[in-house]
Amino acid sequence: MIKNYFKTAFRSLLKNRGYSFLNIFGLATGIACAALIFLWVQDEVNYDGVNLKKDRLYLAEENQKYDTFIFSENSTPGLMGPAMKA
């Protein structure tokens, strides 16, 4: 019985190739976008979630000035921690 269903579905896909391609491509694009959005939200929510004192964490950014642009990054030199504490 299930073999009959697959045969009918395959014949329908071959009969309407353009419409089938459009539907399958749209479904795949939608699933991929939803998965990427879910992964991004999960990363943003779980940022430093393992630390016990996560409400006391701060992010120090460093601005590097060049001739034509300013580059900001999250990494700082190792000696900046004791200097900020002092």
PDB file of N, CA and C in Angstrom:
ATOM      1  N   MET A   1       0.816  -1.198   0.000  1.00  0.00           N
ATOM      2  CA  MET A   1       0.000   0.000   0.000  1.00  0.00           C
ATOM      3  C   MET A   1       0.859   1.261   0.000  1.00  0.00           C
ATOM      4  N   ILE A   2       1.882   1.278   0.867  1.00  0.00           N
ATOM      5  CA  ILE A   2       2.729   2.469   0.946  1.00  0.00           C
ATOM      6  C   ILE A   2       3.551   2.637  -0.331  1.00  0.00           C
ATOM      7  N   LYS A   3       3.872   1.529  -0.977  1.00  0.00           N
ATOM      8  CA  LYS A   3       4.600   1.580  -2.241  1.00  0.00           C
ATOM      9  C   LYS A   3       3.779   2.324  -3.293  1.00  0.00           C
ATOM     10  N   ASN A   4       2.484   2.139  -3.258  1.00  0.00           N
ATOM     11  CA  ASN A   4       1.577   2.828  -4.173  1.00  0.00           C
ATOM     12  C   ASN A   4       1.591   4.336  -3.931  1.00  0.00           C
ATOM     13  N   TYR A   5       1.630   4.736  -2.664  1.00  0.00           N
ATOM     14  CA  TYR A   5       1.671   6.167  -2.327  1.00  0.00           C
ATOM     15  C   TYR A   5       2.943   6.827  -2.866  1.00  0.00           C
ATOM     16  N   PHE A   6       4.070   6.150  -2.683  1.00  0.00           N
ATOM     17  CA  PHE A   6       5.334   6.699  -3.190  1.00  0.00           C
ATOM     18  C   PHE A   6       5.331   6.795  -4.711  1.00  0.00           C
ATOM     19  N   LYS A   7       4.781   5.808  -5.361  1.00  0.00           N
ATOM     20  CA  LYS A   7       4.715   5.796  -6.823  1.00  0.00           C
ATOM     21  C   LYS A   7       3.846   6.961  -7.321  1.00  0.00           C
ATOM     22  N   THR A   8       2.713   7.182  -6.663  1.00  0.00           N
ATOM     23  CA  THR A   8       1.821   8.277  -7.050  1.00  0.00           C
ATOM     24  C   THR A   8       2.486   9.637  -6.816  1.00  0.00           C
ATOM     25  N   ALA A   9       3.170   9.777  -5.677  1.00  0.00           N
ATOM     26  CA  ALA A   9       3.849  11.041  -5.372  1.00  0.00           C
ATOM     27  C   ALA A   9       4.968  11.297  -6.377  1.00  0.00           C
ATOM     28  N   PHE A  10       5.734  10.288  -6.724  1.00  0.00           N
ATOM     29  CA  PHE A  10       6.822  10.453  -7.683  1.00  0.00           C
ATOM     30  C   PHE A  10       6.291  10.846  -9.059  1.00  0.00           C
ATOM     31  N   ARG A  11       5.204  10.230  -9.484  1.00  0.00           N
ATOM     32  CA  ARG A  11       4.600  10.574 -10.783  1.00  0.00           C
ATOM     33  C   ARG A  11       4.084  12.011 -10.776  1.00  0.00           C
ATOM     34  N   SER A  12       3.518  12.429  -9.644  1.00  0.00           N
ATOM     35  CA  SER A  12       3.020  13.799  -9.535  1.00  0.00           C
ATOM     36  C   SER A  12       4.175  14.800  -9.582  1.00  0.00           C
ATOM     37  N   LEU A  13       5.299  14.463  -8.947  1.00  0.00           N
ATOM     38  CA  LEU A  13       6.475  15.346  -8.989  1.00  0.00           C
ATOM     39  C   LEU A  13       7.023  15.472 -10.409  1.00  0.00           C
ATOM     40  N   LEU A  14       7.040  14.363 -11.147  1.00  0.00           N
ATOM     41  CA  LEU A  14       7.536  14.404 -12.515  1.00  0.00           C
ATOM     42  C   LEU A  14       6.576  15.140 -13.447  1.00  0.00           C
ATOM     43  N   LYS A  15       5.286  15.034 -13.167  1.00  0.00           N
ATOM     44  CA  LYS A  15       4.290  15.679 -14.025  1.00  0.00           C
ATOM     45  C   LYS A  15       4.349  17.200 -13.898  1.00  0.00           C
ATOM     46  N   ASN A  16       4.536  17.699 -12.687  1.00  0.00           N
ATOM     47  CA  ASN A  16       4.586  19.143 -12.427  1.00  0.00           C
ATOM     48  C   ASN A  16       5.978  19.528 -11.935  1.00  0.00           C
ATOM     49  N   ARG A  17       6.970  19.463 -12.801  1.00  0.00           N
ATOM     50  CA  ARG A  17       8.361  19.665 -12.393  1.00  0.00           C
ATOM     51  C   ARG A  17       8.628  21.062 -11.863  1.00  0.00           C
ATOM     52  N   GLY A  18       8.181  22.073 -12.567  1.00  0.00           N
ATOM     53  CA  GLY A  18       8.438  23.444 -12.147  1.00  0.00           C
ATOM     54  C   GLY A  18       7.776  23.771 -10.818  1.00  0.00           C
ATOM     55  N   TYR A  19       6.529  23.426 -10.683  1.00  0.00           N
ATOM     56  CA  TYR A  19       5.784  23.674  -9.462  1.00  0.00           C
ATOM     57  C   TYR A  19       6.376  22.881  -8.295  1.00  0.00           C
ATOM     58  N   SER A  20       6.769  21.647  -8.553  1.00  0.00           N
ATOM     59  CA  SER A  20       7.359  20.817  -7.505  1.00  0.00           C
ATOM     60  C   SER A  20       8.697  21.383  -7.060  1.00  0.00           C
ATOM     61  N   PHE A  21       9.524  21.815  -8.018  1.00  0.00           N
ATOM     62  CA  PHE A  21      10.824  22.400  -7.678  1.00  0.00           C
ATOM     63  C   PHE A  21      10.645  23.651  -6.836  1.00  0.00           C
ATOM     64  N   LEU A  22       9.702  24.482  -7.220  1.00  0.00           N
ATOM     65  CA  LEU A  22       9.451  25.712  -6.486  1.00  0.00           C
ATOM     66  C   LEU A  22       9.010  25.426  -5.053  1.00  0.00           C
ATOM     67  N   ASN A  23       8.129  24.480  -4.876  1.00  0.00           N
ATOM     68  CA  ASN A  23       7.659  24.130  -3.539  1.00  0.00           C
ATOM     69  C   ASN A  23       8.756  23.515  -2.682  1.00  0.00           C
ATOM     70  N   ILE A  24       9.520  22.590  -3.255  1.00  0.00           N
ATOM     71  CA  ILE A  24      10.585  21.937  -2.490  1.00  0.00           C
ATOM     72  C   ILE A  24      11.690  22.932  -2.158  1.00  0.00           C
ATOM     73  N   PHE A  25      12.057  23.802  -3.103  1.00  0.00           N
ATOM     74  CA  PHE A  25      13.082  24.812  -2.862  1.00  0.00           C
ATOM     75  C   PHE A  25      12.623  25.798  -1.789  1.00  0.00           C
ATOM     76  N   GLY A  26      11.387  26.223  -1.826  1.00  0.00           N
ATOM     77  CA  GLY A  26      10.860  27.130  -0.817  1.00  0.00           C
ATOM     78  C   GLY A  26      10.824  26.502   0.561  1.00  0.00           C
ATOM     79  N   LEU A  27      10.436  25.242   0.628  1.00  0.00           N
ATOM     80  CA  LEU A  27      10.402  24.537   1.908  1.00  0.00           C
ATOM     81  C   LEU A  27      11.811  24.388   2.478  1.00  0.00           C
ATOM     82  N   ALA A  28      12.768  24.011   1.638  1.00  0.00           N
ATOM     83  CA  ALA A  28      14.145  23.842   2.103  1.00  0.00           C
ATOM     84  C   ALA A  28      14.731  25.170   2.563  1.00  0.00           C
ATOM     85  N   THR A  29      14.451  26.255   1.833  1.00  0.00           N
ATOM     86  CA  THR A  29      14.941  27.574   2.232  1.00  0.00           C
ATOM     87  C   THR A  29      14.325  28.007   3.557  1.00  0.00           C
ATOM     88  N   GLY A  30      13.047  27.783   3.732  1.00  0.00           N
ATOM     89  CA  GLY A  30      12.380  28.142   4.976  1.00  0.00           C
ATOM     90  C   GLY A  30      12.914  27.374   6.171  1.00  0.00           C
ATOM     91  N   ILE A  31      13.142  26.085   5.998  1.00  0.00           N
ATOM     92  CA  ILE A  31      13.673  25.265   7.093  1.00  0.00           C
ATOM     93  C   ILE A  31      15.094  25.702   7.435  1.00  0.00           C
ATOM     94  N   ALA A  32      15.920  25.985   6.414  1.00  0.00           N
ATOM     95  CA  ALA A  32      17.294  26.422   6.665  1.00  0.00           C
ATOM     96  C   ALA A  32      17.323  27.762   7.389  1.00  0.00           C
ATOM     97  N   CYS A  33      16.485  28.709   6.977  1.00  0.00           N
ATOM     98  CA  CYS A  33      16.440  30.018   7.639  1.00  0.00           C
ATOM     99  C   CYS A  33      15.958  29.886   9.073  1.00  0.00           C
ATOM    100  N   ALA A  34      14.956  29.072   9.304  1.00  0.00           N
ATOM    101  CA  ALA A  34      14.456  28.878  10.664  1.00  0.00           C
ATOM    102  C   ALA A  34      15.518  28.242  11.551  1.00  0.00           C
ATOM    103  N   ALA A  35      16.269  27.289  11.013  1.00  0.00           N
ATOM    104  CA  ALA A  35      17.325  26.651  11.792  1.00  0.00           C
ATOM    105  C   ALA A  35      18.435  27.640  12.134  1.00  0.00           C
ATOM    106  N   LEU A  36      18.819  28.479  11.170  1.00  0.00           N
ATOM    107  CA  LEU A  36      19.861  29.476  11.432  1.00  0.00           C
ATOM    108  C   LEU A  36      19.405  30.511  12.455  1.00  0.00           C
ATOM    109  N   ILE A  37      18.173  30.948  12.367  1.00  0.00           N
ATOM    110  CA  ILE A  37      17.640  31.904  13.345  1.00  0.00           C
ATOM    111  C   ILE A  37      17.599  31.273  14.729  1.00  0.00           C
ATOM    112  N   PHE A  38      17.183  30.018  14.812  1.00  0.00           N
ATOM    113  CA  PHE A  38      17.145  29.323  16.091  1.00  0.00           C
ATOM    114  C   PHE A  38      18.545  29.209  16.694  1.00  0.00           C
ATOM    115  N   LEU A  39      19.540  28.852  15.889  1.00  0.00           N
ATOM    116  CA  LEU A  39      20.904  28.736  16.392  1.00  0.00           C
ATOM    117  C   LEU A  39      21.447  30.077  16.862  1.00  0.00           C
ATOM    118  N   TRP A  40      21.126  31.152  16.132  1.00  0.00           N
ATOM    119  CA  TRP A  40      21.588  32.488  16.525  1.00  0.00           C
ATOM    120  C   TRP A  40      20.950  32.916  17.846  1.00  0.00           C
ATOM    121  N   VAL A  41      19.657  32.697  17.989  1.00  0.00           N
ATOM    122  CA  VAL A  41      18.966  33.059  19.237  1.00  0.00           C
ATOM    123  C   VAL A  41      19.504  32.239  20.398  1.00  0.00           C
ATOM    124  N   GLN A  42      19.745  30.963  20.180  1.00  0.00           N
ATOM    125  CA  GLN A  42      20.279  30.108  21.238  1.00  0.00           C
ATOM    126  C   GLN A  42      21.665  30.578  21.663  1.00  0.00           C
ATOM    127  N   ASP A  43      22.498  31.011  20.734  1.00  0.00           N
ATOM    128  CA  ASP A  43      23.823  31.516  21.055  1.00  0.00           C
ATOM    129  C   ASP A  43      23.740  32.812  21.854  1.00  0.00           C
ATOM    130  N   GLU A  44      22.811  33.695  21.477  1.00  0.00           N
ATOM    131  CA  GLU A  44      22.668  34.961  22.187  1.00  0.00           C
ATOM    132  C   GLU A  44      22.126  34.771  23.597  1.00  0.00           C
ATOM    133  N   VAL A  45      21.231  33.830  23.782  1.00  0.00           N
ATOM    134  CA  VAL A  45      20.637  33.605  25.102  1.00  0.00           C
ATOM    135  C   VAL A  45      21.631  32.928  26.036  1.00  0.00           C
ATOM    136  N   ASN A  46      22.438  32.026  25.535  1.00  0.00           N
ATOM    137  CA  ASN A  46      23.351  31.250  26.366  1.00  0.00           C
ATOM    138  C   ASN A  46      24.739  31.859  26.473  1.00  0.00           C
ATOM    139  N   TYR A  47      24.909  33.115  26.166  1.00  0.00           N
ATOM    140  CA  TYR A  47      26.232  33.749  26.225  1.00  0.00           C
ATOM    141  C   TYR A  47      26.693  33.829  27.676  1.00  0.00           C
ATOM    142  N   ASP A  48      27.771  33.201  28.003  1.00  0.00           N
ATOM    143  CA  ASP A  48      28.343  33.150  29.352  1.00  0.00           C
ATOM    144  C   ASP A  48      27.336  32.687  30.392  1.00  0.00           C
ATOM    145  N   GLY A  49      26.498  31.749  30.055  1.00  0.00           N
ATOM    146  CA  GLY A  49      25.491  31.258  30.981  1.00  0.00           C
ATOM    147  C   GLY A  49      26.042  30.304  32.024  1.00  0.00           C
ATOM    148  N   VAL A  50      27.267  29.806  31.850  1.00  0.00           N
ATOM    149  CA  VAL A  50      27.829  28.841  32.782  1.00  0.00           C
ATOM    150  C   VAL A  50      28.460  29.512  33.995  1.00  0.00           C
ATOM    151  N   ASN A  51      28.783  30.788  33.901  1.00  0.00           N
ATOM    152  CA  ASN A  51      29.404  31.479  35.024  1.00  0.00           C
ATOM    153  C   ASN A  51      28.389  31.696  36.146  1.00  0.00           C
ATOM    154  N   LEU A  52      28.848  31.506  37.376  1.00  0.00           N
ATOM    155  CA  LEU A  52      27.953  31.669  38.516  1.00  0.00           C
ATOM    156  C   LEU A  52      27.566  33.127  38.733  1.00  0.00           C
ATOM    157  N   LYS A  53      28.480  34.048  38.450  1.00  0.00           N
ATOM    158  CA  LYS A  53      28.215  35.477  38.654  1.00  0.00           C
ATOM    159  C   LYS A  53      28.043  36.171  37.299  1.00  0.00           C
ATOM    160  N   LYS A  54      27.180  35.616  36.473  1.00  0.00           N
ATOM    161  CA  LYS A  54      27.020  36.154  35.114  1.00  0.00           C
ATOM    162  C   LYS A  54      26.414  37.545  35.089  1.00  0.00           C
ATOM    163  N   ASP A  55      25.746  37.964  36.161  1.00  0.00           N
ATOM    164  CA  ASP A  55      25.195  39.317  36.192  1.00  0.00           C
ATOM    165  C   ASP A  55      26.283  40.363  36.451  1.00  0.00           C
ATOM    166  N   ARG A  56      27.485  39.926  36.828  1.00  0.00           N
ATOM    167  CA  ARG A  56      28.586  40.851  37.096  1.00  0.00           C
ATOM    168  C   ARG A  56      29.630  40.841  35.985  1.00  0.00           C
ATOM    169  N   LEU A  57      29.356  40.215  34.857  1.00  0.00           N
ATOM    170  CA  LEU A  57      30.299  40.179  33.742  1.00  0.00           C
ATOM    171  C   LEU A  57      30.145  41.411  32.869  1.00  0.00           C
ATOM    172  N   TYR A  58      31.250  41.884  32.348  1.00  0.00           N
ATOM    173  CA  TYR A  58      31.247  43.032  31.447  1.00  0.00           C
ATOM    174  C   TYR A  58      32.063  42.687  30.215  1.00  0.00           C
ATOM    175  N   LEU A  59      31.778  43.363  29.144  1.00  0.00           N
ATOM    176  CA  LEU A  59      32.490  43.158  27.896  1.00  0.00           C
ATOM    177  C   LEU A  59      33.296  44.413  27.590  1.00  0.00           C
ATOM    178  N   ALA A  60      34.607  44.255  27.517  1.00  0.00           N
ATOM    179  CA  ALA A  60      35.482  45.391  27.199  1.00  0.00           C
ATOM    180  C   ALA A  60      35.888  45.280  25.741  1.00  0.00           C
ATOM    181  N   GLU A  61      35.579  46.299  24.966  1.00  0.00           N
ATOM    182  CA  GLU A  61      35.947  46.323  23.551  1.00  0.00           C
ATOM    183  C   GLU A  61      37.098  47.292  23.329  1.00  0.00           C
ATOM    184  N   GLU A  62      37.891  46.981  22.346  1.00  0.00           N
ATOM    185  CA  GLU A  62      39.035  47.816  22.009  1.00  0.00           C
ATOM    186  C   GLU A  62      38.816  48.391  20.606  1.00  0.00           C
ATOM    187  N   ASN A  63      38.973  49.696  20.466  1.00  0.00           N
ATOM    188  CA  ASN A  63      38.849  50.353  19.167  1.00  0.00           C
ATOM    189  C   ASN A  63      40.242  50.613  18.617  1.00  0.00           C
ATOM    190  N   GLN A  64      40.508  50.083  17.441  1.00  0.00           N
ATOM    191  CA  GLN A  64      41.787  50.309  16.764  1.00  0.00           C
ATOM    192  C   GLN A  64      41.543  51.259  15.608  1.00  0.00           C
ATOM    193  N   LYS A  65      42.196  52.405  15.633  1.00  0.00           N
ATOM    194  CA  LYS A  65      41.982  53.420  14.604  1.00  0.00           C
ATOM    195  C   LYS A  65      43.031  53.269  13.507  1.00  0.00           C
ATOM    196  N   TYR A  66      42.544  53.192  12.289  1.00  0.00           N
ATOM    197  CA  TYR A  66      43.390  53.140  11.108  1.00  0.00           C
ATOM    198  C   TYR A  66      43.133  54.393  10.279  1.00  0.00           C
ATOM    199  N   ASP A  67      43.792  54.516   9.142  1.00  0.00           N
ATOM    200  CA  ASP A  67      43.646  55.722   8.328  1.00  0.00           C
ATOM    201  C   ASP A  67      42.220  55.932   7.832  1.00  0.00           C
ATOM    202  N   THR A  68      41.590  54.847   7.367  1.00  0.00           N
ATOM    203  CA  THR A  68      40.281  55.007   6.722  1.00  0.00           C
ATOM    204  C   THR A  68      39.110  54.487   7.547  1.00  0.00           C
ATOM    205  N   PHE A  69      39.360  53.716   8.608  1.00  0.00           N
ATOM    206  CA  PHE A  69      38.247  53.144   9.364  1.00  0.00           C
ATOM    207  C   PHE A  69      38.675  52.853  10.795  1.00  0.00           C
ATOM    208  N   ILE A  70      37.702  52.541  11.627  1.00  0.00           N
ATOM    209  CA  ILE A  70      37.935  52.156  13.016  1.00  0.00           C
ATOM    210  C   ILE A  70      37.473  50.711  13.168  1.00  0.00           C
ATOM    211  N   PHE A  71      38.323  49.872  13.714  1.00  0.00           N
ATOM    212  CA  PHE A  71      38.029  48.449  13.893  1.00  0.00           C
ATOM    213  C   PHE A  71      37.811  48.176  15.378  1.00  0.00           C
ATOM    214  N   SER A  72      36.648  47.640  15.743  1.00  0.00           N
ATOM    215  CA  SER A  72      36.340  47.294  17.129  1.00  0.00           C
ATOM    216  C   SER A  72      36.390  45.784  17.293  1.00  0.00           C
ATOM    217  N   GLU A  73      37.032  45.340  18.383  1.00  0.00           N
ATOM    218  CA  GLU A  73      37.094  43.906  18.641  1.00  0.00           C
ATOM    219  C   GLU A  73      36.957  43.638  20.128  1.00  0.00           C
ATOM    220  N   ASN A  74      36.604  42.415  20.468  1.00  0.00           N
ATOM    221  CA  ASN A  74      36.355  42.038  21.845  1.00  0.00           C
ATOM    222  C   ASN A  74      37.597  41.577  22.577  1.00  0.00           C
ATOM    223  N   SER A  75      38.674  41.291  21.884  1.00  0.00           N
ATOM    224  CA  SER A  75      39.882  40.818  22.553  1.00  0.00           C
ATOM    225  C   SER A  75      40.705  42.012  23.022  1.00  0.00           C
ATOM    226  N   THR A  76      41.266  41.895  24.206  1.00  0.00           N
ATOM    227  CA  THR A  76      42.088  42.956  24.785  1.00  0.00           C
ATOM    228  C   THR A  76      43.401  42.352  25.252  1.00  0.00           C
ATOM    229  N   PRO A  77      44.419  43.160  25.451  1.00  0.00           N
ATOM    230  CA  PRO A  77      45.700  42.627  25.926  1.00  0.00           C
ATOM    231  C   PRO A  77      45.578  42.023  27.323  1.00  0.00           C
ATOM    232  N   GLY A  78      46.470  41.128  27.658  1.00  0.00           N
ATOM    233  CA  GLY A  78      46.408  40.442  28.941  1.00  0.00           C
ATOM    234  C   GLY A  78      46.628  41.348  30.133  1.00  0.00           C
ATOM    235  N   LEU A  79      47.369  42.432  29.962  1.00  0.00           N
ATOM    236  CA  LEU A  79      47.640  43.330  31.077  1.00  0.00           C
ATOM    237  C   LEU A  79      46.510  44.313  31.344  1.00  0.00           C
ATOM    238  N   MET A  80      45.475  44.307  30.511  1.00  0.00           N
ATOM    239  CA  MET A  80      44.389  45.267  30.695  1.00  0.00           C
ATOM    240  C   MET A  80      43.556  44.912  31.923  1.00  0.00           C
ATOM    241  N   GLY A  81      43.422  43.651  32.272  1.00  0.00           N
ATOM    242  CA  GLY A  81      42.625  43.256  33.430  1.00  0.00           C
ATOM    243  C   GLY A  81      43.133  43.842  34.739  1.00  0.00           C
ATOM    244  N   PRO A  82      44.417  43.641  35.063  1.00  0.00           N
ATOM    245  CA  PRO A  82      44.928  44.256  36.285  1.00  0.00           C
ATOM    246  C   PRO A  82      44.921  45.789  36.236  1.00  0.00           C
ATOM    247  N   ALA A  83      45.121  46.360  35.057  1.00  0.00           N
ATOM    248  CA  ALA A  83      45.098  47.817  34.945  1.00  0.00           C
ATOM    249  C   ALA A  83      43.696  48.356  35.206  1.00  0.00           C
ATOM    250  N   MET A  84      42.667  47.676  34.710  1.00  0.00           N
ATOM    251  CA  MET A  84      41.284  48.128  34.954  1.00  0.00           C
ATOM    252  C   MET A  84      40.906  47.919  36.417  1.00  0.00           C
ATOM    253  N   LYS A  85      41.423  46.854  37.030  1.00  0.00           N
ATOM    254  CA  LYS A  85      41.112  46.594  38.431  1.00  0.00           C
ATOM    255  C   LYS A  85      41.734  47.657  39.332  1.00  0.00           C
ATOM    256  N   ALA A  86      42.955  48.113  38.961  1.00  0.00           N
ATOM    257  CA  ALA A  86      43.636  49.145  39.755  1.00  0.00           C
ATOM    258  C   ALA A  86      42.919  50.465  39.565  1.00  0.00           C
TER     259      ALA A  86
END
